[in-house]
Each structure stands twice: as structure tokens, then as C-alpha cells.
Amino acid sequence: MKRILSSIRTWLHRSDTFLLSVCLIATVFGMVLISSAVRPTGSLRTLYVQIGATLLGLVLYVLFSLIDIDIIADKWRPLTLISLLLLLSLRWLGTSQGGNRAWIRFAGIGIQPAELVKIVFIVTLAHLITRFKDADRLDRPSSILALLALLGAYFVLIVVISNDTGSALVYAFIFVVMLFCAGVSVWWVLGAAVLFLLVAPYLWYYILTDNYRTRILAMFDPARVDPTGQGVTWQPNLSKAAIASGGLFGQGLYHGEQTQSGVLPLQNSDFIFAVAGEEFGILGCILILALLTVIIIRVVQVGLRSQSRLGALTCMGVAALVACQTLENVGMCIGVAPVIGLTLPFFSYGGSSIVTLYAAMGIVSGIKMKPKPTMFLP
């Protein structure tokens, strides 16, 4: 017993308990919001699922904090293969929800593969970039093509099979941020920008569906794109109205007019930020953004102090994941970003999301537990 207690004390001393504490505060706040969002339905099943997923996430947090990230990185080939096969399985096992074939369901439990495999993608990308960087060949065309092939495999499977463009864009954002942090040549950045401008018309007319094009155009000219307000602007309009009605202090928990009438769309997941705005006001929204900002800064801080390039880049990938979903989710709730179905990290309902986030934070904690120099990159 003494040995167990000693091990627990050692873990608590060495692990990132500050990061874990902030994540838990955000999660508990999210559960309060979820409890309000599901109140009109009279069912608390969603809240129970979130609690169960959080408990599982905490177990994974501890487990991943104890596993050396190099061990995970060394297994990148089989892990990547398993990840891609899991995404491919959506072709036969996937069930549709909200227009996306992104979930595998059994025994009443839904699993979203695109969420679960984000960790494998981040660690694998960090591992490959580290290998190329250590060999002084990151800027070679062969290295860039290899990295693009990795991104392309995930991106294509997610978009083509599950039609989950939102999740695919998160992968692309992580990819860009990690390459930038690794110090890729500015010429590659300029070349990518020029290439994007050249292919943008093709992507706009032949790749994006009418639905996505309309959502993007609605950000700039909503009155023309959706004059009745009952089309693509309906969801963000309700969200903005809910946030505006909350004022500074909000209407009070369980007293939000739109939330308690069930008018808000997807109010326990995609538009949970609007629930916070209506019932807790601007101060509640500021608290959410503050908590997520602290998490992002802490993850970046651990990366900057990491003893290895692999650890540093992994942290940057995790920070990019949280930052991208935060910006997009809040943006679509206030009408400055297209509605593409991304959850708000730690706050929105989503078992796969919360499990993945805590596992990712466990990896960050494990990186912190190693001895570390003050330099970011050698």
C-alpha cells in the first residue's frame, strides 16, 4: 500500500496537474451546459454518456502520461494502417447523422473514428518531421511529398467516405501548424499559397458541394444567399440571437428562453457556446474562451520546454487541434465561420471527442514529465 501511495504521489508531483485541473474545470462547466441543453427532452442519457466518456478519458490521461512518446512513434506504421482501416470501415459500418457518415454504432454507443485517430496522425506527423529534420532534408521535395501523402490519406478517406469536411480541415490545420513550427522553408509556404490560388476555382466549382458553397457565401452576404432566413443562415441566426439575449450576465441556468424551449439546433454539441451565451451571458462566454486559451498556452509551453523535437512538435499538434476547433466552433456560433459541424473542445457533448482530448493531454503530460532543457529546438 505504501508503494502504491508513493507511486501516486510521485505521479501527481511529476505530471501536469495544472493542465489536468483546467481541463476538468472546462469539462465540468461543459456538463452543466449539457444538462441545461438536454433538459427540454427530459432525458439525461447524453449527460451520462459524457460523464462516462470523461472517466474513460481520465484513465487514458494517466495511461498515456506514463507511456514514452517514442514508443508510440516507433509503432507509427501499424498504428497508421489501423487508423486508415478504421476510417475505411465507415464505408460498410458507418451510420449517417447530420449528413455525415462518420459514426460506427454498436450496443447503443457511437464511435467517431476521425476523432480517435487524430492522436495517431499528430504523433506520426511529428515523428516523420523529426526524422527529416534530423537528417537535414525536411525541405526536400521527396520529404514534403511523403508528408503530403500522409495528410492526403487521412483527408481523402474522411471526406470521401464520411463526408466530414469539418474534421478533415482540422487535420489540414494541424499539418500546416506543425510544419510551420518545424521551420519548413518559406518557399514551400509561398508555393503552397500560389498553388492554392490556382486550384481554388476548381475546388470551388467541382469539389465543394452546393451546400458548402452556400454556407461560405452566407458569411459575406446572408440577405442575398438566404433572404428568408430559413436556409443555411437559420442555425447561426438562432445562435447569435441566443447569445445576444443573454446580455452580460445571462438569463440564468435552466432559464434560457431558446435553450429551454429546444429551439436552438444541436444545442448540446455544435452550438453549446450559444447555450453558454444565453444562460451565462458574455461573462460565461469569456470564461469558456479563457479556459481554452489557458489549455492551449499550457500545451505550447510544455512543447517549448520539451527535451526533444518529437515531443515539441507533438505538443504543437495538440495545441493546433484545440485552437482550430475552438476558432471554428465559436466562429460558426457567432456567424463569422461556416457551419461545418465541429464541437467545442471539452464543452460540447461527444464521447469520442472527450476521450481523444484527454488522451492527447495525457501525452502532453508525459512529455512534461521528462527532463527538459530551456531550448525549443536544438
Protein backbone atom coordinates (compact mmCIF):
# COMPACT_ATOMS: atom_id res chain seq x y z
CA MET A 1 0.00 0.00 0.00
CA LYS A 2 2.82 2.39 0.86
CA ARG A 3 4.43 1.69 -2.51
CA ILE A 4 1.15 2.43 -4.30
CA LEU A 5 0.64 5.66 -2.40
CA SER A 6 4.24 6.62 -3.08
CA SER A 7 3.76 5.98 -6.81
CA ILE A 8 0.60 8.09 -6.83
CA ARG A 9 2.37 10.95 -5.05
CA THR A 10 5.27 10.73 -7.50
CA TRP A 11 2.91 10.81 -10.47
CA LEU A 12 0.99 13.76 -9.08
CA HIS A 13 4.24 15.62 -8.48
CA ARG A 14 5.70 14.96 -11.94
CA SER A 15 2.59 15.05 -14.13
CA ASP A 16 0.94 18.22 -15.37
CA THR A 17 -1.73 18.53 -12.71
CA PHE A 18 -2.30 22.17 -13.68
CA LEU A 19 -3.24 21.19 -17.24
CA LEU A 20 -5.44 18.37 -15.94
CA SER A 21 -7.18 20.72 -13.49
CA VAL A 22 -8.03 23.28 -16.17
CA CYS A 23 -9.31 20.53 -18.48
CA LEU A 24 -11.52 19.18 -15.68
CA ILE A 25 -12.90 22.64 -14.89
CA ALA A 26 -13.77 23.10 -18.57
CA THR A 27 -15.35 19.64 -18.73
CA VAL A 28 -17.48 20.17 -15.62
CA PHE A 29 -18.66 23.53 -16.97
CA GLY A 30 -19.47 21.75 -20.21
CA MET A 31 -21.52 19.14 -18.34
CA VAL A 32 -23.51 21.90 -16.64
CA LEU A 33 -24.26 23.37 -20.06
CA ILE A 34 -25.17 19.94 -21.46
CA SER A 35 -27.52 19.30 -18.53
CA SER A 36 -29.33 22.52 -19.43
CA ALA A 37 -29.31 21.76 -23.17
CA VAL A 38 -30.94 18.32 -22.72
CA ARG A 39 -33.42 19.45 -20.06
CA PRO A 40 -36.22 20.10 -22.60
CA THR A 41 -36.03 16.46 -23.72
CA GLY A 42 -36.44 15.13 -20.19
CA SER A 43 -33.62 12.62 -20.79
CA LEU A 44 -30.21 12.74 -19.11
CA ARG A 45 -28.69 9.94 -21.20
CA THR A 46 -26.48 12.42 -23.08
CA LEU A 47 -25.09 13.75 -19.80
CA TYR A 48 -24.43 10.24 -18.50
CA VAL A 49 -22.57 9.36 -21.70
CA GLN A 50 -20.44 12.48 -21.32
CA ILE A 51 -19.63 11.59 -17.70
CA GLY A 52 -18.70 8.03 -18.68
CA ALA A 53 -16.54 9.25 -21.57
CA THR A 54 -14.78 11.69 -19.24
CA LEU A 55 -14.00 8.91 -16.74
CA LEU A 56 -12.57 6.80 -19.57
CA GLY A 57 -10.64 9.83 -20.76
CA LEU A 58 -9.11 10.29 -17.30
CA VAL A 59 -7.94 6.68 -17.32
CA LEU A 60 -6.34 7.24 -20.73
CA TYR A 61 -4.82 10.51 -19.48
CA VAL A 62 -2.98 8.63 -16.75
CA LEU A 63 -2.04 5.75 -19.07
CA PHE A 64 -0.67 7.95 -21.87
CA SER A 65 1.21 10.13 -19.41
CA LEU A 66 3.15 7.02 -18.36
CA ILE A 67 3.95 5.84 -21.89
CA ASP A 68 7.07 7.22 -23.54
CA ILE A 69 6.01 9.02 -26.71
CA ASP A 70 8.97 7.46 -28.55
CA ILE A 71 7.34 4.06 -28.05
CA ILE A 72 4.17 5.28 -29.76
CA ALA A 73 6.15 6.97 -32.53
CA ASP A 74 8.18 3.82 -33.24
CA LYS A 75 4.93 1.97 -33.95
CA TRP A 76 3.73 4.60 -36.44
CA ARG A 77 3.43 2.21 -39.37
CA PRO A 78 0.98 -0.31 -37.82
CA LEU A 79 -0.85 2.47 -35.97
CA THR A 80 -1.31 4.43 -39.20
CA LEU A 81 -2.51 1.31 -41.01
CA ILE A 82 -5.03 0.59 -38.24
CA SER A 83 -6.20 4.21 -38.29
CA LEU A 84 -6.76 4.24 -42.03
CA LEU A 85 -8.56 0.89 -41.92
CA LEU A 86 -10.78 2.24 -39.15
CA LEU A 87 -11.69 5.22 -41.34
CA LEU A 88 -12.20 2.92 -44.31
CA SER A 89 -14.57 0.73 -42.28
CA LEU A 90 -17.07 3.60 -42.28
CA ARG A 91 -17.80 2.60 -45.87
CA TRP A 92 -19.58 -0.52 -44.57
CA LEU A 93 -20.14 0.04 -40.85
CA GLY A 94 -20.77 3.79 -40.75
CA THR A 95 -24.10 5.31 -39.85
CA SER A 96 -25.28 8.72 -41.01
CA GLN A 97 -26.00 11.66 -38.73
CA GLY A 98 -26.43 15.25 -39.83
CA GLY A 99 -25.42 14.35 -43.38
CA ASN A 100 -22.12 12.76 -42.32
CA ARG A 101 -21.39 9.04 -42.38
CA ALA A 102 -18.90 9.45 -39.55
CA TRP A 103 -20.04 7.11 -36.75
CA ILE A 104 -19.80 3.41 -36.02
CA ARG A 105 -22.55 2.35 -33.62
CA PHE A 106 -22.98 -0.81 -31.59
CA ALA A 107 -24.90 -1.55 -28.38
CA GLY A 108 -26.22 2.00 -28.41
CA ILE A 109 -22.73 3.51 -28.33
CA GLY A 110 -21.39 5.66 -31.16
CA ILE A 111 -17.70 5.93 -32.03
CA GLN A 112 -16.31 8.58 -34.37
CA PRO A 113 -13.09 7.22 -35.93
CA ALA A 114 -11.97 10.61 -37.27
CA GLU A 115 -11.75 11.82 -33.66
CA LEU A 116 -9.96 8.79 -32.25
CA VAL A 117 -7.21 8.65 -34.87
CA LYS A 118 -6.19 12.30 -34.51
CA ILE A 119 -3.59 11.31 -31.92
CA VAL A 120 -2.01 8.79 -34.28
CA PHE A 121 -1.92 11.40 -37.03
CA ILE A 122 -0.25 14.01 -34.80
CA VAL A 123 2.39 11.66 -33.36
CA THR A 124 3.12 10.10 -36.77
CA LEU A 125 3.49 13.50 -38.40
CA ALA A 126 5.75 14.68 -35.56
CA HIS A 127 7.85 11.53 -35.93
CA LEU A 128 8.30 11.88 -39.70
CA ILE A 129 9.07 15.60 -39.48
CA THR A 130 11.64 14.87 -36.75
CA ARG A 131 13.32 12.21 -38.91
CA PHE A 132 13.50 14.54 -41.90
CA LYS A 133 14.66 17.45 -39.76
CA ASP A 134 17.38 15.41 -38.05
CA ALA A 135 18.62 14.25 -41.46
CA ASP A 136 18.55 17.86 -42.69
CA ARG A 137 16.18 17.01 -45.53
CA LEU A 138 12.83 18.42 -44.42
CA ASP A 139 12.77 20.85 -47.33
CA ARG A 140 13.47 18.23 -49.98
CA PRO A 141 10.58 17.57 -52.38
CA SER A 142 10.58 13.86 -51.51
CA SER A 143 10.09 14.65 -47.81
CA ILE A 144 7.30 17.16 -48.44
CA LEU A 145 5.57 14.70 -50.77
CA ALA A 146 5.78 11.96 -48.14
CA LEU A 147 4.19 14.24 -45.54
CA LEU A 148 1.52 15.34 -48.01
CA ALA A 149 0.78 11.70 -48.78
CA LEU A 150 0.14 11.08 -45.07
CA LEU A 151 -2.22 14.05 -44.86
CA GLY A 152 -3.88 13.09 -48.15
CA ALA A 153 -4.63 9.56 -46.98
CA TYR A 154 -6.50 10.80 -43.91
CA PHE A 155 -8.09 13.77 -45.68
CA VAL A 156 -9.44 11.80 -48.65
CA LEU A 157 -10.83 8.96 -46.55
CA ILE A 158 -12.60 11.35 -44.18
CA VAL A 159 -14.08 13.49 -46.96
CA VAL A 160 -14.95 10.79 -49.48
CA ILE A 161 -16.25 8.11 -47.14
CA SER A 162 -17.77 10.07 -44.26
CA ASN A 163 -18.36 13.44 -45.94
CA ASP A 164 -17.00 15.06 -42.76
CA THR A 165 -15.25 18.08 -44.28
CA GLY A 166 -15.04 19.81 -40.89
CA SER A 167 -12.88 17.08 -39.36
CA ALA A 168 -10.74 16.89 -42.50
CA LEU A 169 -9.99 20.62 -42.27
CA VAL A 170 -8.80 20.14 -38.68
CA TYR A 171 -6.24 17.63 -39.95
CA ALA A 172 -5.09 20.13 -42.58
CA PHE A 173 -4.76 22.88 -39.97
CA ILE A 174 -2.70 20.62 -37.70
CA PHE A 175 -0.47 19.72 -40.66
CA VAL A 176 0.22 23.37 -41.55
CA VAL A 177 0.93 24.41 -37.95
CA MET A 178 3.32 21.53 -37.30
CA LEU A 179 5.27 22.14 -40.50
CA PHE A 180 5.50 25.85 -39.67
CA CYS A 181 6.77 25.08 -36.15
CA ALA A 182 9.33 22.68 -37.62
CA GLY A 183 10.77 25.53 -39.67
CA VAL A 184 9.85 24.46 -43.19
CA SER A 185 11.29 26.76 -45.86
CA VAL A 186 9.30 29.90 -46.62
CA TRP A 187 9.48 28.93 -50.29
CA TRP A 188 7.29 25.91 -49.62
CA VAL A 189 4.81 28.18 -47.85
CA LEU A 190 4.74 30.62 -50.77
CA GLY A 191 4.50 27.77 -53.26
CA ALA A 192 1.57 26.25 -51.38
CA ALA A 193 -0.18 29.63 -51.32
CA VAL A 194 0.26 30.10 -55.06
CA LEU A 195 -0.90 26.53 -55.76
CA PHE A 196 -3.97 27.04 -53.60
CA LEU A 197 -4.88 30.21 -55.51
CA LEU A 198 -4.52 28.36 -58.79
CA VAL A 199 -6.67 25.38 -57.81
CA ALA A 200 -9.19 27.37 -55.75
CA PRO A 201 -11.59 27.87 -58.70
CA TYR A 202 -11.54 24.15 -59.45
CA LEU A 203 -12.15 23.29 -55.78
CA TRP A 204 -14.97 25.82 -55.60
CA TYR A 205 -16.88 24.63 -58.67
CA TYR A 206 -16.10 20.91 -58.80
CA ILE A 207 -15.18 19.70 -55.29
CA LEU A 208 -17.30 21.71 -52.88
CA THR A 209 -20.98 20.84 -52.88
CA ASP A 210 -23.70 23.47 -53.32
CA ASN A 211 -24.41 23.21 -49.61
CA TYR A 212 -20.86 24.12 -48.59
CA ARG A 213 -20.58 26.90 -51.17
CA THR A 214 -23.80 28.40 -49.86
CA ARG A 215 -22.59 28.23 -46.27
CA ILE A 216 -19.42 30.11 -47.18
CA LEU A 217 -21.21 32.76 -49.24
CA ALA A 218 -23.73 33.28 -46.44
CA MET A 219 -20.96 34.68 -44.22
CA PHE A 220 -20.47 37.61 -46.62
CA ASP A 221 -23.95 38.29 -47.99
CA PRO A 222 -26.56 36.43 -45.88
CA ALA A 223 -29.51 38.54 -47.08
CA ARG A 224 -28.90 37.58 -50.69
CA VAL A 225 -27.93 33.97 -50.15
CA ASP A 226 -30.75 33.20 -47.74
CA PRO A 227 -33.35 36.01 -47.92
CA THR A 228 -35.94 34.08 -45.88
CA GLY A 229 -33.50 33.27 -43.09
CA GLN A 230 -34.79 29.69 -43.08
CA GLY A 231 -31.92 28.12 -45.01
CA VAL A 232 -28.21 28.00 -44.26
CA THR A 233 -28.37 31.09 -42.02
CA TRP A 234 -31.10 29.65 -39.80
CA GLN A 235 -28.75 27.94 -37.34
CA PRO A 236 -26.22 30.78 -36.90
CA ASN A 237 -29.07 33.32 -36.69
CA LEU A 238 -30.66 31.44 -33.79
CA SER A 239 -27.26 31.08 -32.16
CA LYS A 240 -26.48 34.79 -32.44
CA ALA A 241 -29.91 35.69 -31.10
CA ALA A 242 -29.43 33.42 -28.08
CA ILE A 243 -26.01 34.89 -27.29
CA ALA A 244 -27.31 38.45 -27.70
CA SER A 245 -30.31 37.79 -25.45
CA GLY A 246 -28.02 36.69 -22.63
CA GLY A 247 -26.52 40.13 -22.19
CA LEU A 248 -23.68 40.46 -19.70
CA PHE A 249 -24.79 38.00 -17.00
CA GLY A 250 -27.20 35.74 -18.90
CA GLN A 251 -30.77 34.66 -18.25
CA GLY A 252 -29.69 32.10 -15.66
CA LEU A 253 -29.01 28.38 -15.70
CA TYR A 254 -32.06 26.41 -16.94
CA HIS A 255 -33.78 29.71 -17.78
CA GLY A 256 -32.54 30.41 -21.31
CA GLU A 257 -35.60 31.07 -23.45
CA GLN A 258 -34.34 29.38 -26.62
CA THR A 259 -32.39 26.68 -24.81
CA GLN A 260 -35.28 25.57 -22.60
CA SER A 261 -37.72 25.63 -25.49
CA GLY A 262 -35.40 23.41 -27.50
CA VAL A 263 -35.30 25.88 -30.38
CA LEU A 264 -31.52 26.01 -30.65
CA PRO A 265 -30.19 23.42 -33.11
CA LEU A 266 -27.69 20.87 -31.79
CA GLN A 267 -27.58 22.82 -28.55
CA ASN A 268 -25.77 20.11 -26.63
CA SER A 269 -22.95 19.79 -29.17
CA ASP A 270 -22.20 22.16 -32.06
CA PHE A 271 -23.98 25.17 -30.52
CA ILE A 272 -23.17 24.67 -26.85
CA PHE A 273 -21.42 28.07 -26.93
CA ALA A 274 -24.78 29.69 -27.68
CA VAL A 275 -26.27 27.98 -24.61
CA ALA A 276 -23.48 29.48 -22.51
CA GLY A 277 -24.11 32.90 -24.02
CA GLU A 278 -27.84 32.79 -23.36
CA GLU A 279 -27.74 31.43 -19.82
CA PHE A 280 -24.40 32.75 -18.53
CA GLY A 281 -24.05 35.84 -20.69
CA ILE A 282 -20.93 37.39 -22.13
CA LEU A 283 -19.10 36.58 -18.90
CA GLY A 284 -19.80 32.89 -19.41
CA CYS A 285 -18.51 33.06 -22.99
CA ILE A 286 -15.38 34.86 -21.80
CA LEU A 287 -14.81 32.16 -19.18
CA ILE A 288 -15.04 29.44 -21.84
CA LEU A 289 -12.57 31.23 -24.10
CA ALA A 290 -10.25 31.90 -21.15
CA LEU A 291 -10.19 28.23 -20.11
CA LEU A 292 -9.50 27.03 -23.65
CA THR A 293 -6.82 29.70 -24.11
CA VAL A 294 -5.09 28.59 -20.90
CA ILE A 295 -5.15 24.97 -22.12
CA ILE A 296 -3.64 25.93 -25.48
CA ILE A 297 -0.95 28.12 -23.89
CA ARG A 298 -0.07 25.40 -21.38
CA VAL A 299 0.30 22.77 -24.11
CA VAL A 300 2.50 25.13 -26.15
CA GLN A 301 4.55 25.89 -23.04
CA VAL A 302 5.20 22.19 -22.45
CA GLY A 303 6.24 21.85 -26.07
CA LEU A 304 8.65 24.79 -25.86
CA ARG A 305 10.32 23.19 -22.85
CA SER A 306 10.43 19.68 -24.27
CA GLN A 307 13.73 17.86 -24.42
CA SER A 308 13.03 16.52 -27.90
CA ARG A 309 11.83 17.77 -31.23
CA LEU A 310 9.33 14.89 -31.32
CA GLY A 311 7.78 15.99 -28.04
CA ALA A 312 7.77 19.65 -29.03
CA LEU A 313 6.06 19.02 -32.37
CA THR A 314 3.51 16.68 -30.80
CA CYS A 315 2.54 19.40 -28.33
CA MET A 316 2.21 21.90 -31.17
CA GLY A 317 -0.08 19.49 -32.98
CA VAL A 318 -2.29 19.03 -29.91
CA ALA A 319 -2.42 22.81 -29.38
CA ALA A 320 -3.37 23.27 -33.05
CA LEU A 321 -6.17 20.72 -32.65
CA VAL A 322 -7.74 22.58 -29.72
CA ALA A 323 -7.18 26.01 -31.30
CA CYS A 324 -8.68 25.06 -34.68
CA GLN A 325 -11.85 23.56 -33.22
CA THR A 326 -12.26 26.45 -30.80
CA LEU A 327 -11.94 29.09 -33.50
CA GLU A 328 -14.26 27.31 -35.92
CA ASN A 329 -16.92 26.38 -33.36
CA VAL A 330 -17.10 29.85 -31.80
CA GLY A 331 -16.91 31.39 -35.27
CA MET A 332 -19.92 29.46 -36.56
CA CYS A 333 -21.88 30.26 -33.37
CA ILE A 334 -21.41 34.00 -33.94
CA GLY A 335 -21.82 33.81 -37.71
CA VAL A 336 -18.27 34.54 -38.89
CA ALA A 337 -17.41 30.99 -39.95
CA PRO A 338 -19.35 28.40 -41.97
CA VAL A 339 -21.32 25.76 -40.08
CA ILE A 340 -19.32 22.56 -40.60
CA GLY A 341 -20.18 20.55 -37.52
CA LEU A 342 -17.16 20.87 -35.22
CA THR A 343 -17.58 20.54 -31.48
CA LEU A 344 -16.18 22.92 -28.86
CA PRO A 345 -13.29 21.10 -27.12
CA PHE A 346 -14.10 19.88 -23.57
CA PHE A 347 -17.51 21.60 -23.60
CA SER A 348 -19.62 20.02 -26.35
CA TYR A 349 -21.23 16.64 -25.98
CA GLY A 350 -19.22 13.96 -27.74
CA GLY A 351 -17.78 10.80 -26.23
CA SER A 352 -15.15 10.22 -28.91
CA SER A 353 -14.07 13.85 -28.72
CA ILE A 354 -13.68 13.99 -24.93
CA VAL A 355 -11.81 10.66 -24.82
CA THR A 356 -9.44 11.80 -27.56
CA LEU A 357 -8.80 15.15 -25.89
CA TYR A 358 -7.91 13.63 -22.53
CA ALA A 359 -5.68 11.03 -24.18
CA ALA A 360 -3.92 13.84 -26.07
CA MET A 361 -3.48 15.83 -22.85
CA GLY A 362 -2.06 12.70 -21.23
CA ILE A 363 0.60 12.56 -23.94
CA VAL A 364 1.40 16.22 -23.28
CA SER A 365 1.67 15.47 -19.56
CA GLY A 366 4.00 12.57 -20.33
CA ILE A 367 6.21 14.89 -22.37
CA LYS A 368 6.34 17.30 -19.43
CA MET A 369 7.36 14.50 -17.07
CA LYS A 370 10.64 14.05 -18.93
CA PRO A 371 13.67 16.19 -18.04
CA LYS A 372 13.68 19.20 -20.30
CA PRO A 373 16.08 21.92 -21.41
CA THR A 374 15.08 25.53 -21.98
CA MET A 375 15.56 25.46 -25.77
CA PHE A 376 12.65 24.70 -28.10
CA LEU A 377 14.72 23.09 -30.84
CA PRO A 378 18.41 22.21 -30.72
